[in-house]
Amino acid sequence: MKSIDEELIADIGRQAAESTRRRQHHNLHADYSDPCQRLLNFLWHDSYIRPHRHAADPKEETLIALRGEMGCLIFNAVGGITSRIRLVAGGDCPAVIIEPGEWHSVVALSGSAVLLETKAGPFDPAAAKEPAPWAVDETAPGAGAYLQSLQRLFD
C-alpha cells in the first residue's frame, strides 16, 4: 500500500519550491509500462502547466484536485479559450476528464495546489505531450504575465 500523506505532499512541495518551473510531479506508478499511469503534480501559485495536448498518444486524462484550488482551461487550435472550470479539492467540482487531443492547461489559484493525474498506460516519453506553439513556456520571459492573464479568467 502507498500513502499519499502530508509528508509526501510536503516533500513534493519542497521540490517544487526549488524547481525553476515552481511545480513538481511525483509518479505513483512503478514503471512507464504500467497499464495505469498515476502521478501527483504540486503547483505553487506562481506556476502553471503550459498549454499542451496529447495528440501523438491520444488517451483520456483525469485530473483530480487533492488540495487547493486550480483553474483548468481548454483552448482551440490558435489559443482561444473554449472552456474553463474551477477545480476545488472537496468542492462542487474536484475533477475533470480531458479528452484526447484537447489543448489544455492548469493554473494554481490558491497559494499551492496538488493535482492527481491518471491516464491509461503504457507511457511513451517521446510522445508524452505537444506544447502549444502559441503559449509561453513556464521558464521564458513573459511567463509571469501569461500566467496572470490565465489566472484572471477565474476572478
N, C-alpha and C. Protein backbone atom coordinates (compact mmCIF):
# COMPACT_ATOMS: atom_id res chain seq x y z
N MET A 1 0.85 -1.18 0.00
CA MET A 1 0.00 0.00 0.00
C MET A 1 0.89 1.24 0.00
N LYS A 2 0.49 2.22 -0.78
CA LYS A 2 1.18 3.50 -0.83
C LYS A 2 0.27 4.55 -0.22
N SER A 3 0.85 5.41 0.57
CA SER A 3 0.08 6.50 1.18
C SER A 3 0.39 7.81 0.48
N ILE A 4 -0.65 8.56 0.20
CA ILE A 4 -0.50 9.95 -0.26
C ILE A 4 -0.81 10.79 0.97
N ASP A 5 0.22 11.02 1.76
CA ASP A 5 0.02 11.69 3.05
C ASP A 5 0.71 13.05 3.07
N GLU A 6 0.56 13.73 4.20
CA GLU A 6 1.12 15.08 4.35
C GLU A 6 2.64 15.09 4.17
N GLU A 7 3.32 14.07 4.62
CA GLU A 7 4.78 14.01 4.47
C GLU A 7 5.18 13.97 3.00
N LEU A 8 4.51 13.15 2.21
CA LEU A 8 4.81 13.06 0.78
C LEU A 8 4.49 14.38 0.08
N ILE A 9 3.34 14.95 0.36
CA ILE A 9 2.94 16.20 -0.27
C ILE A 9 3.90 17.33 0.11
N ALA A 10 4.31 17.38 1.37
CA ALA A 10 5.27 18.41 1.80
C ALA A 10 6.61 18.24 1.08
N ASP A 11 7.04 17.01 0.91
CA ASP A 11 8.30 16.75 0.21
C ASP A 11 8.22 17.20 -1.24
N ILE A 12 7.12 16.89 -1.91
CA ILE A 12 6.94 17.31 -3.31
C ILE A 12 6.87 18.84 -3.37
N GLY A 13 6.22 19.45 -2.39
CA GLY A 13 6.14 20.91 -2.33
C GLY A 13 7.51 21.56 -2.18
N ARG A 14 8.39 20.96 -1.38
CA ARG A 14 9.76 21.47 -1.25
C ARG A 14 10.50 21.37 -2.58
N GLN A 15 10.32 20.25 -3.26
CA GLN A 15 10.96 20.09 -4.57
C GLN A 15 10.42 21.12 -5.57
N ALA A 16 9.12 21.37 -5.53
CA ALA A 16 8.51 22.35 -6.42
C ALA A 16 9.05 23.75 -6.14
N ALA A 17 9.26 24.06 -4.86
CA ALA A 17 9.78 25.38 -4.48
C ALA A 17 11.19 25.60 -5.02
N GLU A 18 11.95 24.52 -5.17
CA GLU A 18 13.33 24.62 -5.66
C GLU A 18 13.40 24.53 -7.18
N SER A 19 12.32 24.17 -7.84
CA SER A 19 12.29 24.00 -9.29
C SER A 19 12.13 25.35 -9.98
N THR A 20 12.79 25.52 -11.12
CA THR A 20 12.63 26.77 -11.88
C THR A 20 11.20 26.93 -12.38
N ARG A 21 10.49 25.82 -12.59
CA ARG A 21 9.09 25.87 -13.04
C ARG A 21 8.12 26.08 -11.88
N ARG A 22 8.61 25.97 -10.65
CA ARG A 22 7.79 26.13 -9.44
C ARG A 22 6.65 25.11 -9.37
N ARG A 23 6.90 23.96 -9.95
CA ARG A 23 5.99 22.83 -9.82
C ARG A 23 6.81 21.55 -9.89
N GLN A 24 6.20 20.46 -9.42
CA GLN A 24 6.92 19.18 -9.39
C GLN A 24 5.91 18.05 -9.47
N HIS A 25 6.25 17.05 -10.27
CA HIS A 25 5.39 15.87 -10.30
C HIS A 25 6.08 14.72 -9.57
N HIS A 26 5.27 13.77 -9.15
CA HIS A 26 5.75 12.58 -8.43
C HIS A 26 4.96 11.39 -8.95
N ASN A 27 5.65 10.47 -9.62
CA ASN A 27 4.98 9.29 -10.15
C ASN A 27 4.54 8.34 -9.04
N LEU A 28 3.33 7.85 -9.14
CA LEU A 28 2.81 6.86 -8.21
C LEU A 28 2.86 5.46 -8.82
N HIS A 29 2.98 5.39 -10.15
CA HIS A 29 3.11 4.11 -10.83
C HIS A 29 4.57 3.66 -10.76
N ALA A 30 4.78 2.36 -10.89
CA ALA A 30 6.12 1.80 -10.75
C ALA A 30 6.96 1.97 -12.01
N ASP A 31 6.31 1.95 -13.17
CA ASP A 31 7.06 1.91 -14.42
C ASP A 31 6.23 2.51 -15.54
N TYR A 32 6.88 3.03 -16.57
CA TYR A 32 6.16 3.58 -17.72
C TYR A 32 5.35 2.52 -18.46
N SER A 33 5.66 1.26 -18.27
CA SER A 33 4.91 0.20 -18.94
C SER A 33 3.62 -0.17 -18.19
N ASP A 34 3.41 0.37 -16.99
CA ASP A 34 2.20 0.07 -16.22
C ASP A 34 0.94 0.44 -17.01
N PRO A 35 -0.13 -0.34 -16.86
CA PRO A 35 -1.36 -0.06 -17.62
C PRO A 35 -2.10 1.18 -17.13
N CYS A 36 -1.78 1.66 -15.94
CA CYS A 36 -2.37 2.89 -15.42
C CYS A 36 -1.25 3.79 -14.93
N GLN A 37 -1.17 4.96 -15.51
CA GLN A 37 -0.17 5.95 -15.11
C GLN A 37 -0.84 6.91 -14.12
N ARG A 38 -0.25 7.06 -12.95
CA ARG A 38 -0.80 7.93 -11.90
C ARG A 38 0.32 8.80 -11.36
N LEU A 39 0.04 10.08 -11.18
CA LEU A 39 1.06 10.96 -10.63
C LEU A 39 0.42 12.12 -9.88
N LEU A 40 1.20 12.67 -8.97
CA LEU A 40 0.82 13.88 -8.26
C LEU A 40 1.55 15.03 -8.93
N ASN A 41 0.91 16.17 -9.02
CA ASN A 41 1.54 17.37 -9.55
C ASN A 41 1.29 18.49 -8.55
N PHE A 42 2.37 19.01 -7.97
CA PHE A 42 2.30 20.10 -6.99
C PHE A 42 2.62 21.41 -7.70
N LEU A 43 1.72 22.38 -7.59
CA LEU A 43 1.91 23.69 -8.22
C LEU A 43 1.86 24.79 -7.17
N TRP A 44 2.85 25.67 -7.19
CA TRP A 44 2.77 26.89 -6.41
C TRP A 44 1.97 27.90 -7.22
N HIS A 45 1.47 28.94 -6.55
CA HIS A 45 0.61 29.95 -7.18
C HIS A 45 1.29 30.64 -8.36
N ASP A 46 2.61 30.72 -8.33
CA ASP A 46 3.34 31.40 -9.42
C ASP A 46 3.81 30.42 -10.49
N SER A 47 3.03 29.36 -10.69
CA SER A 47 3.38 28.31 -11.62
C SER A 47 2.15 27.88 -12.41
N TYR A 48 2.40 27.26 -13.55
CA TYR A 48 1.31 26.70 -14.35
C TYR A 48 1.85 25.58 -15.23
N ILE A 49 0.95 24.79 -15.72
CA ILE A 49 1.29 23.75 -16.68
C ILE A 49 1.04 24.35 -18.05
N ARG A 50 2.10 24.51 -18.83
CA ARG A 50 1.99 25.13 -20.14
C ARG A 50 0.90 24.41 -20.96
N PRO A 51 0.07 25.18 -21.66
CA PRO A 51 -0.93 24.54 -22.50
C PRO A 51 -0.28 23.52 -23.45
N HIS A 52 -0.93 22.38 -23.53
CA HIS A 52 -0.39 21.27 -24.31
C HIS A 52 -1.53 20.33 -24.70
N ARG A 53 -1.21 19.37 -25.54
CA ARG A 53 -2.17 18.33 -25.87
C ARG A 53 -1.41 17.01 -26.00
N HIS A 54 -2.17 15.94 -26.00
CA HIS A 54 -1.62 14.60 -26.12
C HIS A 54 -2.16 14.00 -27.43
N ALA A 55 -1.66 14.48 -28.55
CA ALA A 55 -2.16 14.03 -29.84
C ALA A 55 -1.43 12.79 -30.34
N ALA A 56 -0.13 12.68 -30.03
CA ALA A 56 0.65 11.54 -30.52
C ALA A 56 0.29 10.25 -29.80
N ASP A 57 -0.20 10.36 -28.58
CA ASP A 57 -0.61 9.21 -27.78
C ASP A 57 -1.98 9.54 -27.17
N PRO A 58 -3.03 9.56 -27.99
CA PRO A 58 -4.33 10.08 -27.55
C PRO A 58 -5.06 9.18 -26.56
N LYS A 59 -5.08 9.64 -25.32
CA LYS A 59 -5.79 8.93 -24.24
C LYS A 59 -6.46 9.97 -23.35
N GLU A 60 -7.61 9.61 -22.79
CA GLU A 60 -8.25 10.49 -21.81
C GLU A 60 -7.32 10.67 -20.62
N GLU A 61 -7.42 11.84 -20.02
CA GLU A 61 -6.63 12.16 -18.83
C GLU A 61 -7.60 12.66 -17.76
N THR A 62 -7.54 12.09 -16.57
CA THR A 62 -8.39 12.52 -15.47
C THR A 62 -7.55 13.36 -14.52
N LEU A 63 -8.08 14.54 -14.18
CA LEU A 63 -7.41 15.47 -13.27
C LEU A 63 -8.29 15.66 -12.04
N ILE A 64 -7.73 15.40 -10.85
CA ILE A 64 -8.48 15.49 -9.60
C ILE A 64 -7.75 16.41 -8.64
N ALA A 65 -8.44 17.42 -8.13
CA ALA A 65 -7.86 18.35 -7.15
C ALA A 65 -7.82 17.66 -5.79
N LEU A 66 -6.60 17.42 -5.30
CA LEU A 66 -6.45 16.83 -3.97
C LEU A 66 -6.32 17.90 -2.90
N ARG A 67 -5.73 19.03 -3.27
CA ARG A 67 -5.53 20.12 -2.32
C ARG A 67 -5.57 21.44 -3.06
N GLY A 68 -6.22 22.40 -2.48
CA GLY A 68 -6.23 23.74 -3.05
C GLY A 68 -7.23 23.93 -4.16
N GLU A 69 -6.97 24.97 -4.93
CA GLU A 69 -7.88 25.39 -5.99
C GLU A 69 -7.07 25.64 -7.26
N MET A 70 -7.60 25.16 -8.38
CA MET A 70 -6.94 25.31 -9.67
C MET A 70 -7.94 25.71 -10.72
N GLY A 71 -7.43 26.29 -11.79
CA GLY A 71 -8.24 26.57 -12.95
C GLY A 71 -7.79 25.66 -14.08
N CYS A 72 -8.73 24.98 -14.71
CA CYS A 72 -8.44 24.12 -15.85
C CYS A 72 -9.01 24.81 -17.08
N LEU A 73 -8.19 24.94 -18.11
CA LEU A 73 -8.58 25.65 -19.33
C LEU A 73 -8.46 24.74 -20.54
N ILE A 74 -9.41 24.85 -21.45
CA ILE A 74 -9.37 24.16 -22.74
C ILE A 74 -9.26 25.25 -23.80
N PHE A 75 -8.39 25.03 -24.78
CA PHE A 75 -8.11 26.02 -25.82
C PHE A 75 -8.44 25.45 -27.20
N ASN A 76 -8.69 26.36 -28.15
CA ASN A 76 -8.80 25.94 -29.55
C ASN A 76 -7.40 25.91 -30.16
N ALA A 77 -7.30 25.64 -31.43
CA ALA A 77 -6.01 25.44 -32.09
C ALA A 77 -5.13 26.69 -32.14
N VAL A 78 -5.72 27.86 -31.96
CA VAL A 78 -4.93 29.09 -32.02
C VAL A 78 -4.82 29.78 -30.65
N GLY A 79 -5.22 29.10 -29.59
CA GLY A 79 -5.05 29.63 -28.24
C GLY A 79 -6.25 30.32 -27.65
N GLY A 80 -7.35 30.36 -28.35
CA GLY A 80 -8.57 30.93 -27.78
C GLY A 80 -9.17 29.97 -26.76
N ILE A 81 -9.70 30.50 -25.69
CA ILE A 81 -10.24 29.66 -24.63
C ILE A 81 -11.66 29.25 -24.98
N THR A 82 -11.89 27.94 -24.99
CA THR A 82 -13.21 27.41 -25.32
C THR A 82 -13.96 26.93 -24.08
N SER A 83 -13.22 26.66 -23.00
CA SER A 83 -13.86 26.18 -21.77
C SER A 83 -12.93 26.44 -20.60
N ARG A 84 -13.52 26.72 -19.47
CA ARG A 84 -12.73 26.87 -18.24
C ARG A 84 -13.55 26.37 -17.06
N ILE A 85 -12.88 25.76 -16.13
CA ILE A 85 -13.57 25.25 -14.95
C ILE A 85 -12.65 25.35 -13.76
N ARG A 86 -13.24 25.69 -12.63
CA ARG A 86 -12.50 25.80 -11.38
C ARG A 86 -12.56 24.44 -10.68
N LEU A 87 -11.39 23.89 -10.40
CA LEU A 87 -11.28 22.63 -9.66
C LEU A 87 -10.95 22.96 -8.21
N VAL A 88 -11.76 22.47 -7.29
CA VAL A 88 -11.55 22.75 -5.87
C VAL A 88 -11.58 21.44 -5.10
N ALA A 89 -10.51 21.17 -4.38
CA ALA A 89 -10.45 19.96 -3.56
C ALA A 89 -11.60 20.00 -2.55
N GLY A 90 -12.42 18.97 -2.56
CA GLY A 90 -13.57 18.91 -1.65
C GLY A 90 -14.71 19.81 -2.05
N GLY A 91 -14.64 20.46 -3.21
CA GLY A 91 -15.66 21.40 -3.64
C GLY A 91 -16.67 20.77 -4.58
N ASP A 92 -17.45 21.64 -5.23
CA ASP A 92 -18.50 21.19 -6.14
C ASP A 92 -17.96 20.46 -7.36
N CYS A 93 -16.77 20.86 -7.82
CA CYS A 93 -16.17 20.20 -9.00
C CYS A 93 -14.70 19.94 -8.71
N PRO A 94 -14.38 18.79 -8.14
CA PRO A 94 -12.98 18.49 -7.84
C PRO A 94 -12.23 17.81 -8.99
N ALA A 95 -12.91 17.46 -10.09
CA ALA A 95 -12.24 16.67 -11.13
C ALA A 95 -12.81 16.95 -12.52
N VAL A 96 -11.96 16.72 -13.53
CA VAL A 96 -12.38 16.81 -14.93
C VAL A 96 -11.71 15.68 -15.71
N ILE A 97 -12.29 15.39 -16.85
CA ILE A 97 -11.69 14.43 -17.78
C ILE A 97 -11.36 15.19 -19.05
N ILE A 98 -10.08 15.18 -19.42
CA ILE A 98 -9.60 15.85 -20.62
C ILE A 98 -9.65 14.83 -21.76
N GLU A 99 -10.30 15.21 -22.84
CA GLU A 99 -10.42 14.32 -23.99
C GLU A 99 -9.10 14.28 -24.78
N PRO A 100 -8.84 13.17 -25.44
CA PRO A 100 -7.61 13.07 -26.24
C PRO A 100 -7.51 14.19 -27.27
N GLY A 101 -6.35 14.79 -27.37
CA GLY A 101 -6.11 15.83 -28.36
C GLY A 101 -6.54 17.22 -27.97
N GLU A 102 -7.21 17.41 -26.82
CA GLU A 102 -7.63 18.75 -26.39
C GLU A 102 -6.42 19.53 -25.87
N TRP A 103 -6.28 20.77 -26.34
CA TRP A 103 -5.28 21.67 -25.78
C TRP A 103 -5.77 22.06 -24.39
N HIS A 104 -4.94 21.89 -23.37
CA HIS A 104 -5.38 22.19 -22.01
C HIS A 104 -4.22 22.68 -21.14
N SER A 105 -4.59 23.31 -20.05
CA SER A 105 -3.63 23.84 -19.08
C SER A 105 -4.28 23.83 -17.71
N VAL A 106 -3.42 23.87 -16.69
CA VAL A 106 -3.89 24.00 -15.31
C VAL A 106 -3.05 25.10 -14.66
N VAL A 107 -3.74 26.01 -13.94
CA VAL A 107 -3.07 27.06 -13.19
C VAL A 107 -3.51 26.96 -11.74
N ALA A 108 -2.59 27.26 -10.84
CA ALA A 108 -2.92 27.28 -9.41
C ALA A 108 -3.64 28.59 -9.11
N LEU A 109 -4.73 28.51 -8.38
CA LEU A 109 -5.47 29.69 -7.97
C LEU A 109 -5.31 29.97 -6.48
N SER A 110 -4.95 28.96 -5.71
CA SER A 110 -4.67 29.12 -4.29
C SER A 110 -3.15 29.20 -4.12
N GLY A 111 -2.68 29.42 -2.91
CA GLY A 111 -1.24 29.53 -2.65
C GLY A 111 -0.44 28.37 -3.19
N SER A 112 -1.00 27.18 -3.03
CA SER A 112 -0.43 25.98 -3.62
C SER A 112 -1.58 25.04 -3.92
N ALA A 113 -1.31 24.08 -4.78
CA ALA A 113 -2.36 23.14 -5.17
C ALA A 113 -1.72 21.80 -5.53
N VAL A 114 -2.47 20.73 -5.29
CA VAL A 114 -1.99 19.39 -5.62
C VAL A 114 -3.03 18.71 -6.49
N LEU A 115 -2.56 18.20 -7.61
CA LEU A 115 -3.39 17.57 -8.60
C LEU A 115 -3.01 16.10 -8.71
N LEU A 116 -4.01 15.22 -8.75
CA LEU A 116 -3.79 13.81 -9.04
C LEU A 116 -4.18 13.61 -10.49
N GLU A 117 -3.25 13.09 -11.29
CA GLU A 117 -3.49 12.84 -12.70
C GLU A 117 -3.45 11.34 -12.95
N THR A 118 -4.39 10.86 -13.74
CA THR A 118 -4.39 9.45 -14.16
C THR A 118 -4.61 9.39 -15.66
N LYS A 119 -3.97 8.39 -16.26
CA LYS A 119 -4.06 8.18 -17.69
C LYS A 119 -3.72 6.73 -17.98
N ALA A 120 -4.35 6.17 -18.98
CA ALA A 120 -4.03 4.80 -19.36
C ALA A 120 -2.58 4.71 -19.82
N GLY A 121 -1.94 3.61 -19.49
CA GLY A 121 -0.58 3.34 -19.94
C GLY A 121 -0.61 2.46 -21.16
N PRO A 122 0.53 2.04 -21.59
CA PRO A 122 1.84 2.48 -21.12
C PRO A 122 2.11 3.92 -21.55
N PHE A 123 3.16 4.50 -20.98
CA PHE A 123 3.55 5.87 -21.23
C PHE A 123 4.78 5.89 -22.12
N ASP A 124 4.72 6.66 -23.17
CA ASP A 124 5.85 6.81 -24.08
C ASP A 124 6.37 8.25 -23.95
N PRO A 125 7.51 8.45 -23.28
CA PRO A 125 8.02 9.81 -23.09
C PRO A 125 8.24 10.57 -24.40
N ALA A 126 8.53 9.87 -25.48
CA ALA A 126 8.74 10.52 -26.77
C ALA A 126 7.43 11.10 -27.33
N ALA A 127 6.31 10.57 -26.91
CA ALA A 127 5.00 11.03 -27.39
C ALA A 127 4.18 11.64 -26.26
N ALA A 128 4.85 12.04 -25.19
CA ALA A 128 4.15 12.47 -23.97
C ALA A 128 3.19 13.62 -24.19
N LYS A 129 3.69 14.74 -24.68
CA LYS A 129 2.81 15.88 -24.89
C LYS A 129 3.44 16.83 -25.88
N GLU A 130 2.56 17.58 -26.51
CA GLU A 130 2.96 18.58 -27.50
C GLU A 130 2.66 19.95 -26.92
N PRO A 131 3.69 20.76 -26.64
CA PRO A 131 3.41 22.10 -26.10
C PRO A 131 2.76 22.98 -27.16
N ALA A 132 1.85 23.81 -26.70
CA ALA A 132 1.16 24.73 -27.62
C ALA A 132 2.14 25.76 -28.14
N PRO A 133 2.26 25.92 -29.45
CA PRO A 133 3.21 26.88 -30.00
C PRO A 133 2.86 28.33 -29.68
N TRP A 134 1.61 28.61 -29.36
CA TRP A 134 1.15 29.95 -29.05
C TRP A 134 1.23 30.28 -27.56
N ALA A 135 1.66 29.33 -26.74
CA ALA A 135 1.72 29.55 -25.28
C ALA A 135 3.15 29.81 -24.83
N VAL A 136 3.28 30.57 -23.77
CA VAL A 136 4.59 30.91 -23.22
C VAL A 136 5.08 29.77 -22.34
N ASP A 137 6.33 29.33 -22.58
CA ASP A 137 6.94 28.30 -21.73
C ASP A 137 7.03 28.83 -20.30
N GLU A 138 6.90 27.95 -19.34
CA GLU A 138 6.87 28.34 -17.92
C GLU A 138 8.11 29.08 -17.45
N THR A 139 9.25 28.87 -18.09
CA THR A 139 10.50 29.49 -17.63
C THR A 139 10.95 30.63 -18.55
N ALA A 140 10.18 30.97 -19.57
CA ALA A 140 10.56 32.01 -20.53
C ALA A 140 10.18 33.40 -20.01
N PRO A 141 10.86 34.43 -20.55
CA PRO A 141 10.42 35.80 -20.23
C PRO A 141 8.96 35.95 -20.65
N GLY A 142 8.20 36.63 -19.86
CA GLY A 142 6.78 36.80 -20.15
C GLY A 142 5.90 35.75 -19.54
N ALA A 143 6.50 34.72 -18.92
CA ALA A 143 5.69 33.65 -18.32
C ALA A 143 4.81 34.18 -17.19
N GLY A 144 5.34 35.08 -16.38
CA GLY A 144 4.56 35.63 -15.26
C GLY A 144 3.32 36.37 -15.75
N ALA A 145 3.49 37.18 -16.77
CA ALA A 145 2.35 37.93 -17.31
C ALA A 145 1.33 36.98 -17.95
N TYR A 146 1.82 35.95 -18.64
CA TYR A 146 0.92 34.98 -19.26
C TYR A 146 0.13 34.24 -18.18
N LEU A 147 0.82 33.80 -17.13
CA LEU A 147 0.16 33.12 -16.02
C LEU A 147 -0.92 34.00 -15.41
N GLN A 148 -0.59 35.25 -15.15
CA GLN A 148 -1.58 36.16 -14.55
C GLN A 148 -2.79 36.35 -15.45
N SER A 149 -2.57 36.39 -16.77
CA SER A 149 -3.71 36.54 -17.68
C SER A 149 -4.62 35.32 -17.60
N LEU A 150 -4.04 34.14 -17.41
CA LEU A 150 -4.85 32.92 -17.26
C LEU A 150 -5.57 32.91 -15.91
N GLN A 151 -4.87 33.28 -14.84
CA GLN A 151 -5.50 33.30 -13.52
C GLN A 151 -6.63 34.30 -13.44
N ARG A 152 -6.49 35.46 -14.11
CA ARG A 152 -7.55 36.48 -14.09
C ARG A 152 -8.86 35.99 -14.69
N LEU A 153 -8.80 34.96 -15.53
CA LEU A 153 -10.01 34.41 -16.13
C LEU A 153 -10.93 33.79 -15.07
N PHE A 154 -10.40 33.58 -13.88
CA PHE A 154 -11.17 32.93 -12.80
C PHE A 154 -11.57 33.92 -11.71
N ASP A 155 -11.30 35.23 -11.93
CA ASP A 155 -11.68 36.25 -10.93
C ASP A 155 -13.18 36.48 -10.94
